[in-house]
């Protein structure tokens, strides 16, 4: 009896230890808390360079990045190797950026920004005339590696969609590049009830708020909404370094669906007759044949009860016959 209770207690302790022990980041890599601090300072540096239009490959910005690593006692090699590790463990990097996104939002609010400035449509529900229908991650990180450089989304339409709906995709973008060209592509598309597709795309290269819009102009009805975010990895670009840090952060995402009213017809459009009802049958538009007029002259056909119109010479001759005696005509 004592042995069985001892074994049961031992198994409970073992299960507790196994559940409480989470795999840790190897000591040779930068730990998550410090990595978050480094990336936070990188974001601040990128924001400053964007405000003052400092080139991304300038010596000033490179010196600032080097100073950040020195601040935390890290070398370029430490940072690069740690970045490779976090790239292979995307769930850890995702958690870092969730915390980082909250820190950046708190910093913006402390500097005077409002919640509506940070995420204008974040408080909207998924129903109503204007609704936020985004159901994906609120933030994610794109890297130049082919396995991590694309984020796709798809939303099936339901009964809350109406013909003529307008869709707007809003998001914030920020690039953290040690070198190379910054280029991300965003595509937003809708599939209509007749299976035709309307799509819009945009290139993003700056760190600021972005938006893209697509409309059901012909009011056919939307079947599905889809799209993607893609970080161009520039593998084929000559001289492009594939081992340095190239990150694109996308956050504060919202996909807003707006109902629109069908435009009213103008008075001119309402008064305009139906073109089909006033078609002229060309086969019935026949010119009447000419007829013989006075003294064998050919003229147009005369309608019934229409007075006879005679040529001037004929009228003068008829008048002379009545007025002038015949013997005076000789």
C-alpha atoms as a PDB file:
ATOM      1  CA  UNK A   1       0.000   0.000   0.000  1.00  0.00           C
ATOM      2  CA  UNK A   2       2.801   2.408   0.891  1.00  0.00           C
ATOM      3  CA  UNK A   3       4.706   1.477  -2.274  1.00  0.00           C
ATOM      4  CA  UNK A   4       1.736   2.206  -4.532  1.00  0.00           C
ATOM      5  CA  UNK A   5       1.107   5.597  -2.899  1.00  0.00           C
ATOM      6  CA  UNK A   6       4.817   6.440  -3.196  1.00  0.00           C
ATOM      7  CA  UNK A   7       4.745   5.568  -6.918  1.00  0.00           C
ATOM      8  CA  UNK A   8       1.624   7.658  -7.466  1.00  0.00           C
ATOM      9  CA  UNK A   9       3.157  10.665  -5.738  1.00  0.00           C
ATOM     10  CA  UNK A  10       6.351  10.215  -7.707  1.00  0.00           C
ATOM     11  CA  UNK A  11       4.472  10.129 -11.008  1.00  0.00           C
ATOM     12  CA  UNK A  12       2.588  13.311 -10.104  1.00  0.00           C
ATOM     13  CA  UNK A  13       5.823  15.128  -9.289  1.00  0.00           C
ATOM     14  CA  UNK A  14       7.379  13.941 -12.557  1.00  0.00           C
ATOM     15  CA  UNK A  15       4.384  15.103 -14.614  1.00  0.00           C
ATOM     16  CA  UNK A  16       4.485  18.477 -12.860  1.00  0.00           C
ATOM     17  CA  UNK A  17       8.179  18.922 -13.608  1.00  0.00           C
ATOM     18  CA  UNK A  18       7.746  17.938 -17.240  1.00  0.00           C
ATOM     19  CA  UNK A  19       4.852  20.366 -17.705  1.00  0.00           C
ATOM     20  CA  UNK A  20       6.603  23.234 -15.957  1.00  0.00           C
ATOM     21  CA  UNK A  21       9.849  22.860 -17.873  1.00  0.00           C
ATOM     22  CA  UNK A  22       9.630  24.695 -21.182  1.00  0.00           C
ATOM     23  CA  UNK A  23      12.375  24.524 -23.789  1.00  0.00           C
ATOM     24  CA  UNK A  24      14.636  27.537 -23.415  1.00  0.00           C
ATOM     25  CA  UNK A  25      16.597  29.463 -25.990  1.00  0.00           C
ATOM     26  CA  UNK A  26      20.169  28.111 -26.034  1.00  0.00           C
ATOM     27  CA  UNK A  27      22.528  30.280 -24.029  1.00  0.00           C
ATOM     28  CA  UNK A  28      24.776  31.035 -27.020  1.00  0.00           C
ATOM     29  CA  UNK A  29      21.945  33.037 -28.632  1.00  0.00           C
ATOM     30  CA  UNK A  30      20.526  36.378 -27.519  1.00  0.00           C
ATOM     31  CA  UNK A  31      17.708  35.701 -25.053  1.00  0.00           C
ATOM     32  CA  UNK A  32      14.132  36.804 -25.909  1.00  0.00           C
ATOM     33  CA  UNK A  33      13.988  39.754 -23.476  1.00  0.00           C
ATOM     34  CA  UNK A  34      17.231  41.220 -24.757  1.00  0.00           C
ATOM     35  CA  UNK A  35      16.278  40.510 -28.365  1.00  0.00           C
ATOM     36  CA  UNK A  36      13.050  42.410 -27.817  1.00  0.00           C
ATOM     37  CA  UNK A  37      14.958  45.404 -26.440  1.00  0.00           C
ATOM     38  CA  UNK A  38      17.343  45.398 -29.398  1.00  0.00           C
ATOM     39  CA  UNK A  39      14.525  45.238 -31.927  1.00  0.00           C
ATOM     40  CA  UNK A  40      12.657  47.971 -30.071  1.00  0.00           C
ATOM     41  CA  UNK A  41      15.627  50.308 -30.447  1.00  0.00           C
ATOM     42  CA  UNK A  42      15.938  49.270 -34.083  1.00  0.00           C
ATOM     43  CA  UNK A  43      12.323  50.309 -34.627  1.00  0.00           C
ATOM     44  CA  UNK A  44      12.942  53.682 -33.033  1.00  0.00           C
ATOM     45  CA  UNK A  45      15.980  54.189 -35.242  1.00  0.00           C
ATOM     46  CA  UNK A  46      13.977  53.300 -38.343  1.00  0.00           C
ATOM     47  CA  UNK A  47      11.201  55.714 -37.368  1.00  0.00           C
ATOM     48  CA  UNK A  48      13.705  58.539 -36.883  1.00  0.00           C
ATOM     49  CA  UNK A  49      15.342  57.861 -40.233  1.00  0.00           C
ATOM     50  CA  UNK A  50      11.932  57.862 -41.936  1.00  0.00           C
ATOM     51  CA  UNK A  51      10.886  61.178 -40.348  1.00  0.00           C
ATOM     52  CA  UNK A  52      14.152  62.897 -41.303  1.00  0.00           C
ATOM     53  CA  UNK A  53      14.383  61.136 -44.691  1.00  0.00           C
ATOM     54  CA  UNK A  54      17.734  59.579 -43.854  1.00  0.00           C
ATOM     55  CA  UNK A  55      18.748  57.011 -46.492  1.00  0.00           C
ATOM     56  CA  UNK A  56      18.468  53.456 -45.215  1.00  0.00           C
ATOM     57  CA  UNK A  57      22.025  52.639 -46.230  1.00  0.00           C
ATOM     58  CA  UNK A  58      23.567  55.829 -44.855  1.00  0.00           C
ATOM     59  CA  UNK A  59      26.584  55.782 -42.563  1.00  0.00           C
ATOM     60  CA  UNK A  60      24.570  57.584 -39.873  1.00  0.00           C
ATOM     61  CA  UNK A  61      21.973  54.831 -39.636  1.00  0.00           C
ATOM     62  CA  UNK A  62      24.611  52.089 -39.736  1.00  0.00           C
ATOM     63  CA  UNK A  63      26.480  53.778 -36.906  1.00  0.00           C
ATOM     64  CA  UNK A  64      23.288  53.970 -34.863  1.00  0.00           C
ATOM     65  CA  UNK A  65      22.605  50.261 -35.392  1.00  0.00           C
ATOM     66  CA  UNK A  66      26.144  49.422 -34.327  1.00  0.00           C
ATOM     67  CA  UNK A  67      25.699  51.568 -31.209  1.00  0.00           C
ATOM     68  CA  UNK A  68      22.518  49.634 -30.344  1.00  0.00           C
ATOM     69  CA  UNK A  69      24.383  46.335 -30.361  1.00  0.00           C
ATOM     70  CA  UNK A  70      27.180  47.796 -28.261  1.00  0.00           C
ATOM     71  CA  UNK A  71      24.582  49.078 -25.792  1.00  0.00           C
ATOM     72  CA  UNK A  72      23.459  45.497 -25.112  1.00  0.00           C
ATOM     73  CA  UNK A  73      26.912  43.961 -25.258  1.00  0.00           C
ATOM     74  CA  UNK A  74      26.382  42.112 -28.543  1.00  0.00           C
ATOM     75  CA  UNK A  75      28.392  41.841 -31.709  1.00  0.00           C
ATOM     76  CA  UNK A  76      27.167  41.696 -35.279  1.00  0.00           C
ATOM     77  CA  UNK A  77      27.970  37.975 -35.311  1.00  0.00           C
ATOM     78  CA  UNK A  78      25.913  37.403 -32.134  1.00  0.00           C
ATOM     79  CA  UNK A  79      22.956  39.243 -33.591  1.00  0.00           C
ATOM     80  CA  UNK A  80      23.118  37.503 -36.982  1.00  0.00           C
ATOM     81  CA  UNK A  81      23.355  34.007 -35.503  1.00  0.00           C
ATOM     82  CA  UNK A  82      20.529  34.760 -33.066  1.00  0.00           C
ATOM     83  CA  UNK A  83      18.403  36.081 -35.900  1.00  0.00           C
ATOM     84  CA  UNK A  84      18.904  32.834 -37.811  1.00  0.00           C
ATOM     85  CA  UNK A  85      17.800  30.897 -34.719  1.00  0.00           C
ATOM     86  CA  UNK A  86      14.636  32.956 -34.254  1.00  0.00           C
ATOM     87  CA  UNK A  87      13.884  32.691 -37.957  1.00  0.00           C
ATOM     88  CA  UNK A  88      13.837  28.912 -37.578  1.00  0.00           C
ATOM     89  CA  UNK A  89      11.669  29.198 -34.448  1.00  0.00           C
ATOM     90  CA  UNK A  90       9.023  31.584 -35.730  1.00  0.00           C
ATOM     91  CA  UNK A  91       6.722  31.091 -32.727  1.00  0.00           C
ATOM     92  CA  UNK A  92       9.356  32.672 -30.478  1.00  0.00           C
ATOM     93  CA  UNK A  93       9.888  35.582 -32.845  1.00  0.00           C
ATOM     94  CA  UNK A  94       6.120  36.028 -33.085  1.00  0.00           C
ATOM     95  CA  UNK A  95       5.840  36.317 -29.296  1.00  0.00           C
ATOM     96  CA  UNK A  96       8.668  38.860 -29.284  1.00  0.00           C
ATOM     97  CA  UNK A  97       6.840  40.981 -31.835  1.00  0.00           C
ATOM     98  CA  UNK A  98       3.539  40.725 -29.990  1.00  0.00           C
ATOM     99  CA  UNK A  99       5.262  42.283 -26.965  1.00  0.00           C
ATOM    100  CA  UNK A 100       7.118  44.708 -29.193  1.00  0.00           C
ATOM    101  CA  UNK A 101       3.927  45.869 -30.890  1.00  0.00           C
ATOM    102  CA  UNK A 102       2.371  46.598 -27.504  1.00  0.00           C
ATOM    103  CA  UNK A 103       5.452  48.520 -26.371  1.00  0.00           C
ATOM    104  CA  UNK A 104       5.448  50.645 -29.523  1.00  0.00           C
ATOM    105  CA  UNK A 105       1.739  51.380 -29.080  1.00  0.00           C
ATOM    106  CA  UNK A 106       2.285  52.409 -25.462  1.00  0.00           C
ATOM    107  CA  UNK A 107       5.154  54.657 -26.511  1.00  0.00           C
ATOM    108  CA  UNK A 108       3.022  56.322 -29.184  1.00  0.00           C
ATOM    109  CA  UNK A 109       0.215  56.938 -26.680  1.00  0.00           C
ATOM    110  CA  UNK A 110       2.657  58.411 -24.162  1.00  0.00           C
ATOM    111  CA  UNK A 111       3.787  60.837 -26.884  1.00  0.00           C
ATOM    112  CA  UNK A 112       0.240  62.017 -27.544  1.00  0.00           C
ATOM    113  CA  UNK A 113      -1.248  59.554 -30.024  1.00  0.00           C
ATOM    114  CA  UNK A 114      -4.756  58.213 -29.423  1.00  0.00           C
ATOM    115  CA  UNK A 115      -5.989  54.650 -29.756  1.00  0.00           C
ATOM    116  CA  UNK A 116      -8.031  55.680 -32.789  1.00  0.00           C
ATOM    117  CA  UNK A 117      -4.847  56.958 -34.442  1.00  0.00           C
ATOM    118  CA  UNK A 118      -3.143  53.612 -33.912  1.00  0.00           C
ATOM    119  CA  UNK A 119      -6.010  51.444 -35.077  1.00  0.00           C
ATOM    120  CA  UNK A 120      -8.916  53.352 -36.529  1.00  0.00           C
ATOM    121  CA  UNK A 121     -11.158  50.338 -37.158  1.00  0.00           C
ATOM    122  CA  UNK A 122      -9.947  48.007 -34.415  1.00  0.00           C
ATOM    123  CA  UNK A 123     -13.035  48.549 -32.270  1.00  0.00           C
ATOM    124  CA  UNK A 124     -15.521  47.639 -35.008  1.00  0.00           C
ATOM    125  CA  UNK A 125     -17.481  44.402 -34.742  1.00  0.00           C
ATOM    126  CA  UNK A 126     -17.867  41.864 -37.540  1.00  0.00           C
ATOM    127  CA  UNK A 127     -21.462  42.937 -38.246  1.00  0.00           C
ATOM    128  CA  UNK A 128     -23.177  46.163 -39.228  1.00  0.00           C
ATOM    129  CA  UNK A 129     -22.987  48.461 -42.217  1.00  0.00           C
ATOM    130  CA  UNK A 130     -19.309  49.126 -41.474  1.00  0.00           C
ATOM    131  CA  UNK A 131     -17.549  46.096 -39.994  1.00  0.00           C
ATOM    132  CA  UNK A 132     -14.025  44.803 -39.412  1.00  0.00           C
ATOM    133  CA  UNK A 133     -14.028  41.292 -40.900  1.00  0.00           C
ATOM    134  CA  UNK A 134     -10.301  40.560 -40.448  1.00  0.00           C
ATOM    135  CA  UNK A 135      -9.862  37.112 -38.861  1.00  0.00           C
ATOM    136  CA  UNK A 136      -6.115  36.600 -39.230  1.00  0.00           C
ATOM    137  CA  UNK A 137      -3.152  37.509 -37.051  1.00  0.00           C
ATOM    138  CA  UNK A 138      -3.122  41.090 -35.836  1.00  0.00           C
ATOM    139  CA  UNK A 139       0.641  41.262 -36.391  1.00  0.00           C
ATOM    140  CA  UNK A 140       3.275  39.153 -38.106  1.00  0.00           C
ATOM    141  CA  UNK A 141       6.842  39.326 -39.361  1.00  0.00           C
ATOM    142  CA  UNK A 142       8.007  38.680 -42.918  1.00  0.00           C
ATOM    143  CA  UNK A 143      11.591  37.614 -43.604  1.00  0.00           C
ATOM    144  CA  UNK A 144      13.526  37.352 -46.819  1.00  0.00           C
ATOM    145  CA  UNK A 145      13.775  33.561 -46.569  1.00  0.00           C
ATOM    146  CA  UNK A 146      11.362  31.935 -49.065  1.00  0.00           C
ATOM    147  CA  UNK A 147       9.606  29.916 -46.344  1.00  0.00           C
ATOM    148  CA  UNK A 148       8.783  33.018 -44.274  1.00  0.00           C
ATOM    149  CA  UNK A 149       8.359  35.840 -46.801  1.00  0.00           C
ATOM    150  CA  UNK A 150       4.617  35.461 -47.501  1.00  0.00           C
ATOM    151  CA  UNK A 151       1.423  35.730 -45.451  1.00  0.00           C
ATOM    152  CA  UNK A 152      -1.851  34.749 -47.179  1.00  0.00           C
ATOM    153  CA  UNK A 153      -5.440  35.185 -46.066  1.00  0.00           C
ATOM    154  CA  UNK A 154      -8.881  34.138 -47.287  1.00  0.00           C
ATOM    155  CA  UNK A 155     -12.362  35.037 -46.013  1.00  0.00           C
ATOM    156  CA  UNK A 156     -15.561  33.437 -47.312  1.00  0.00           C
ATOM    157  CA  UNK A 157     -18.504  35.780 -47.704  1.00  0.00           C
ATOM    158  CA  UNK A 158     -21.623  35.212 -45.607  1.00  0.00           C
ATOM    159  CA  UNK A 159     -25.095  36.699 -45.301  1.00  0.00           C
ATOM    160  CA  UNK A 160     -23.689  39.964 -43.914  1.00  0.00           C
ATOM    161  CA  UNK A 161     -22.184  40.793 -47.327  1.00  0.00           C
ATOM    162  CA  UNK A 162     -24.320  42.877 -49.683  1.00  0.00           C
ATOM    163  CA  UNK A 163     -24.002  43.597 -53.415  1.00  0.00           C
ATOM    164  CA  UNK A 164     -21.915  46.714 -53.953  1.00  0.00           C
ATOM    165  CA  UNK A 165     -19.787  46.302 -50.814  1.00  0.00           C
ATOM    166  CA  UNK A 166     -16.512  48.191 -50.515  1.00  0.00           C
ATOM    167  CA  UNK A 167     -13.464  46.623 -48.819  1.00  0.00           C
ATOM    168  CA  UNK A 168     -10.522  48.499 -47.317  1.00  0.00           C
ATOM    169  CA  UNK A 169      -7.406  46.811 -45.931  1.00  0.00           C
ATOM    170  CA  UNK A 170      -5.563  48.957 -43.370  1.00  0.00           C
ATOM    171  CA  UNK A 171      -2.226  48.112 -41.749  1.00  0.00           C
ATOM    172  CA  UNK A 172       1.003  49.551 -40.428  1.00  0.00           C
ATOM    173  CA  UNK A 173       4.296  48.528 -41.997  1.00  0.00           C
ATOM    174  CA  UNK A 174       7.839  48.816 -40.738  1.00  0.00           C
ATOM    175  CA  UNK A 175      11.076  47.587 -42.258  1.00  0.00           C
ATOM    176  CA  UNK A 176      14.200  46.601 -40.365  1.00  0.00           C
ATOM    177  CA  UNK A 177      16.912  46.117 -42.964  1.00  0.00           C
ATOM    178  CA  UNK A 178      20.650  46.081 -42.440  1.00  0.00           C
ATOM    179  CA  UNK A 179      21.090  46.532 -46.185  1.00  0.00           C
ATOM    180  CA  UNK A 180      19.352  45.926 -49.484  1.00  0.00           C
ATOM    181  CA  UNK A 181      16.223  47.228 -51.172  1.00  0.00           C
ATOM    182  CA  UNK A 182      12.974  47.333 -49.225  1.00  0.00           C
ATOM    183  CA  UNK A 183      10.056  46.075 -51.243  1.00  0.00           C
ATOM    184  CA  UNK A 184       6.857  44.403 -50.083  1.00  0.00           C
ATOM    185  CA  UNK A 185       3.819  43.635 -52.221  1.00  0.00           C
ATOM    186  CA  UNK A 186       0.253  43.627 -50.920  1.00  0.00           C
ATOM    187  CA  UNK A 187      -2.633  42.156 -52.939  1.00  0.00           C
ATOM    188  CA  UNK A 188      -6.353  42.406 -52.112  1.00  0.00           C
ATOM    189  CA  UNK A 189      -8.858  40.571 -54.337  1.00  0.00           C
ATOM    190  CA  UNK A 190     -12.566  39.727 -54.364  1.00  0.00           C
ATOM    191  CA  UNK A 191     -14.294  36.897 -56.218  1.00  0.00           C
ATOM    192  CA  UNK A 192     -17.761  37.873 -57.438  1.00  0.00           C
ATOM    193  CA  UNK A 193     -20.933  35.834 -57.890  1.00  0.00           C
ATOM    194  CA  UNK A 194     -20.176  35.273 -61.597  1.00  0.00           C
ATOM    195  CA  UNK A 195     -16.679  33.958 -60.655  1.00  0.00           C
ATOM    196  CA  UNK A 196     -14.928  37.021 -62.044  1.00  0.00           C
ATOM    197  CA  UNK A 197     -12.123  38.482 -59.921  1.00  0.00           C
ATOM    198  CA  UNK A 198     -11.278  42.092 -59.118  1.00  0.00           C
ATOM    199  CA  UNK A 199      -7.865  42.677 -57.551  1.00  0.00           C
ATOM    200  CA  UNK A 200      -5.709  45.579 -56.461  1.00  0.00           C
ATOM    201  CA  UNK A 201      -2.017  45.546 -55.555  1.00  0.00           C
ATOM    202  CA  UNK A 202       0.477  47.986 -54.102  1.00  0.00           C
ATOM    203  CA  UNK A 203       4.207  48.144 -53.399  1.00  0.00           C
ATOM    204  CA  UNK A 204       5.253  49.145 -49.902  1.00  0.00           C
ATOM    205  CA  UNK A 205       8.750  50.392 -49.095  1.00  0.00           C
ATOM    206  CA  UNK A 206       8.228  52.763 -46.185  1.00  0.00           C
ATOM    207  CA  UNK A 207       7.481  52.494 -42.489  1.00  0.00           C
ATOM    208  CA  UNK A 208       4.059  54.086 -42.042  1.00  0.00           C
ATOM    209  CA  UNK A 209       0.304  53.479 -42.266  1.00  0.00           C
ATOM    210  CA  UNK A 210      -0.947  51.881 -45.478  1.00  0.00           C
ATOM    211  CA  UNK A 211      -4.324  51.092 -47.052  1.00  0.00           C
ATOM    212  CA  UNK A 212      -5.655  49.435 -50.199  1.00  0.00           C
ATOM    213  CA  UNK A 213      -9.252  49.284 -51.449  1.00  0.00           C
ATOM    214  CA  UNK A 214     -11.361  47.165 -53.801  1.00  0.00           C
ATOM    215  CA  UNK A 215     -15.047  47.655 -54.739  1.00  0.00           C
ATOM    216  CA  UNK A 216     -17.920  45.588 -56.099  1.00  0.00           C
ATOM    217  CA  UNK A 217     -18.805  48.396 -58.518  1.00  0.00           C
ATOM    218  CA  UNK A 218     -21.276  46.401 -60.618  1.00  0.00           C
ATOM    219  CA  UNK A 219     -23.108  45.177 -57.500  1.00  0.00           C
ATOM    220  CA  UNK A 220     -22.820  41.505 -58.442  1.00  0.00           C
ATOM    221  CA  UNK A 221     -22.209  40.243 -54.909  1.00  0.00           C
ATOM    222  CA  UNK A 222     -18.985  38.959 -53.326  1.00  0.00           C
ATOM    223  CA  UNK A 223     -18.278  35.242 -52.831  1.00  0.00           C
ATOM    224  CA  UNK A 224     -14.874  35.452 -51.146  1.00  0.00           C
ATOM    225  CA  UNK A 225     -12.091  37.833 -50.191  1.00  0.00           C
ATOM    226  CA  UNK A 226      -8.439  36.868 -50.425  1.00  0.00           C
ATOM    227  CA  UNK A 227      -4.967  38.315 -50.700  1.00  0.00           C
ATOM    228  CA  UNK A 228      -1.423  38.187 -49.406  1.00  0.00           C
ATOM    229  CA  UNK A 229       1.552  40.136 -48.084  1.00  0.00           C
ATOM    230  CA  UNK A 230       4.866  39.307 -49.768  1.00  0.00           C
ATOM    231  CA  UNK A 231       8.366  40.471 -48.901  1.00  0.00           C
ATOM    232  CA  UNK A 232      10.482  40.479 -52.039  1.00  0.00           C
ATOM    233  CA  UNK A 233      13.618  38.497 -51.220  1.00  0.00           C
ATOM    234  CA  UNK A 234      15.603  39.833 -54.226  1.00  0.00           C
ATOM    235  CA  UNK A 235      17.483  36.573 -54.578  1.00  0.00           C
ATOM    236  CA  UNK A 236      18.334  37.290 -58.190  1.00  0.00           C
ATOM    237  CA  UNK A 237      19.454  40.860 -57.572  1.00  0.00           C
ATOM    238  CA  UNK A 238      23.185  41.286 -58.125  1.00  0.00           C
ATOM    239  CA  UNK A 239      25.136  42.124 -54.991  1.00  0.00           C
ATOM    240  CA  UNK A 240      22.192  41.415 -52.642  1.00  0.00           C
ATOM    241  CA  UNK A 241      23.377  40.025 -49.308  1.00  0.00           C
ATOM    242  CA  UNK A 242      21.221  37.102 -48.168  1.00  0.00           C
ATOM    243  CA  UNK A 243      22.710  36.734 -44.667  1.00  0.00           C
ATOM    244  CA  UNK A 244      21.968  40.157 -43.160  1.00  0.00           C
ATOM    245  CA  UNK A 245      18.814  41.112 -41.302  1.00  0.00           C
ATOM    246  CA  UNK A 246      15.815  41.897 -43.503  1.00  0.00           C
ATOM    247  CA  UNK A 247      12.518  42.052 -41.641  1.00  0.00           C
ATOM    248  CA  UNK A 248       9.143  43.564 -42.504  1.00  0.00           C
ATOM    249  CA  UNK A 249       6.741  43.962 -39.603  1.00  0.00           C
ATOM    250  CA  UNK A 250       3.005  44.239 -40.324  1.00  0.00           C
ATOM    251  CA  UNK A 251       0.642  45.102 -37.468  1.00  0.00           C
ATOM    252  CA  UNK A 252      -2.602  46.884 -36.536  1.00  0.00           C
ATOM    253  CA  UNK A 253      -4.371  45.064 -39.370  1.00  0.00           C
ATOM    254  CA  UNK A 254      -8.036  45.589 -40.163  1.00  0.00           C
ATOM    255  CA  UNK A 255     -10.161  44.623 -43.171  1.00  0.00           C
ATOM    256  CA  UNK A 256     -13.195  46.896 -43.235  1.00  0.00           C
ATOM    257  CA  UNK A 257     -16.315  45.996 -45.183  1.00  0.00           C
ATOM    258  CA  UNK A 258     -18.671  48.883 -45.966  1.00  0.00           C
ATOM    259  CA  UNK A 259     -22.201  48.648 -47.371  1.00  0.00           C
ATOM    260  CA  UNK A 260     -22.905  51.163 -50.115  1.00  0.00           C
ATOM    261  CA  UNK A 261     -26.228  52.453 -51.431  1.00  0.00           C
ATOM    262  CA  UNK A 262     -27.217  51.936 -55.028  1.00  0.00           C
ATOM    263  CA  UNK A 263     -26.894  55.273 -56.859  1.00  0.00           C
ATOM    264  CA  UNK A 264     -30.198  56.941 -57.719  1.00  0.00           C
ATOM    265  CA  UNK A 265     -31.086  57.483 -61.366  1.00  0.00           C
ATOM    266  CA  UNK A 266     -31.082  61.061 -62.577  1.00  0.00           C
ATOM    267  CA  UNK A 267     -34.224  62.702 -63.998  1.00  0.00           C
ATOM    268  CA  UNK A 268     -32.736  62.604 -67.486  1.00  0.00           C
ATOM    269  CA  UNK A 269     -32.168  58.854 -67.218  1.00  0.00           C
ATOM    270  CA  UNK A 270     -35.745  58.315 -66.010  1.00  0.00           C
ATOM    271  CA  UNK A 271     -37.238  60.427 -68.850  1.00  0.00           C
ATOM    272  CA  UNK A 272     -35.088  58.864 -71.546  1.00  0.00           C
ATOM    273  CA  UNK A 273     -37.314  56.548 -73.647  1.00  0.00           C
ATOM    274  CA  UNK A 274     -36.507  52.979 -74.142  1.00  0.00           C
ATOM    275  CA  UNK A 275     -34.384  52.734 -77.250  1.00  0.00           C
ATOM    276  CA  UNK A 276     -35.880  49.350 -78.110  1.00  0.00           C
ATOM    277  CA  UNK A 277     -39.399  50.826 -78.197  1.00  0.00           C
ATOM    278  CA  UNK A 278     -38.536  53.517 -80.743  1.00  0.00           C
ATOM    279  CA  UNK A 279     -36.599  51.514 -83.236  1.00  0.00           C
ATOM    280  CA  UNK A 280     -37.369  52.421 -86.844  1.00  0.00           C
ATOM    281  CA  UNK A 281     -38.046  49.643 -89.283  1.00  0.00           C
ATOM    282  CA  UNK A 282     -35.871  50.548 -92.218  1.00  0.00           C
ATOM    283  CA  UNK A 283     -37.776  48.147 -94.435  1.00  0.00           C
ATOM    284  CA  UNK A 284     -40.939  50.291 -94.063  1.00  0.00           C
ATOM    285  CA  UNK A 285     -39.253  53.608 -94.779  1.00  0.00           C
ATOM    286  CA  UNK A 286     -39.913  53.568 -98.522  1.00  0.00           C
ATOM    287  CA  UNK A 287     -39.872  56.731-100.646  1.00  0.00           C
ATOM    288  CA  UNK A 288     -43.069  56.964-102.686  1.00  0.00           C
ATOM    289  CA  UNK A 289     -42.573  56.731-106.454  1.00  0.00           C
ATOM    290  CA  UNK A 290     -42.693  59.921-108.483  1.00  0.00           C
ATOM    291  CA  UNK A 291     -45.893  60.803-110.392  1.00  0.00           C
ATOM    292  CA  UNK A 292     -46.720  62.749-113.485  1.00  0.00           C
ATOM    293  CA  UNK A 293     -47.481  66.382-112.658  1.00  0.00           C
ATOM    294  CA  UNK A 294     -48.901  69.091-114.877  1.00  0.00           C
ATOM    295  CA  UNK A 295     -47.859  68.924-118.517  1.00  0.00           C
ATOM    296  CA  UNK A 296     -46.013  65.711-117.993  1.00  0.00           C
ATOM    297  CA  UNK A 297     -43.596  67.179-115.447  1.00  0.00           C
ATOM    298  CA  UNK A 298     -42.332  64.746-112.910  1.00  0.00           C
ATOM    299  CA  UNK A 299     -42.680  65.741-109.256  1.00  0.00           C
ATOM    300  CA  UNK A 300     -43.191  64.280-105.822  1.00  0.00           C
ATOM    301  CA  UNK A 301     -46.392  62.475-104.948  1.00  0.00           C
ATOM    302  CA  UNK A 302     -49.243  64.702-103.713  1.00  0.00           C
ATOM    303  CA  UNK A 303     -51.095  63.875-100.542  1.00  0.00           C
ATOM    304  CA  UNK A 304     -54.902  63.781-100.597  1.00  0.00           C
ATOM    305  CA  UNK A 305     -56.636  67.191-100.302  1.00  0.00           C
ATOM    306  CA  UNK A 306     -53.336  68.941-100.900  1.00  0.00           C
ATOM    307  CA  UNK A 307     -53.625  71.924-103.277  1.00  0.00           C
ATOM    308  CA  UNK A 308     -51.912  71.514-106.578  1.00  0.00           C
ATOM    309  CA  UNK A 309     -48.727  73.523-106.867  1.00  0.00           C
ATOM    310  CA  UNK A 310     -47.859  74.309-110.421  1.00  0.00           C
ATOM    311  CA  UNK A 311     -44.558  75.589-111.822  1.00  0.00           C
ATOM    312  CA  UNK A 312     -44.257  79.344-112.308  1.00  0.00           C
ATOM    313  CA  UNK A 313     -44.198  79.141-116.127  1.00  0.00           C
ATOM    314  CA  UNK A 314     -47.381  77.157-116.182  1.00  0.00           C
ATOM    315  CA  UNK A 315     -49.125  79.597-113.805  1.00  0.00           C
ATOM    316  CA  UNK A 316     -48.118  82.612-115.952  1.00  0.00           C
ATOM    317  CA  UNK A 317     -49.385  80.885-119.105  1.00  0.00           C
ATOM    318  CA  UNK A 318     -52.718  80.026-117.473  1.00  0.00           C
ATOM    319  CA  UNK A 319     -53.151  83.609-116.302  1.00  0.00           C
ATOM    320  CA  UNK A 320     -52.431  84.984-119.788  1.00  0.00           C
ATOM    321  CA  UNK A 321     -55.072  82.721-121.261  1.00  0.00           C
ATOM    322  CA  UNK A 322     -57.702  84.126-118.912  1.00  0.00           C
ATOM    323  CA  UNK A 323     -56.743  87.787-118.937  1.00  0.00           C
ATOM    324  CA  UNK A 324     -55.295  88.568-122.376  1.00  0.00           C
ATOM    325  CA  UNK A 325     -57.531  88.105-125.453  1.00  0.00           C
ATOM    326  CA  UNK A 326     -56.273  85.690-127.999  1.00  0.00           C
ATOM    327  CA  UNK A 327     -56.171  88.311-130.736  1.00  0.00           C
ATOM    328  CA  UNK A 328     -53.766  90.416-128.667  1.00  0.00           C
ATOM    329  CA  UNK A 329     -51.359  87.596-128.266  1.00  0.00           C
ATOM    330  CA  UNK A 330     -50.500  87.678-131.961  1.00  0.00           C
END
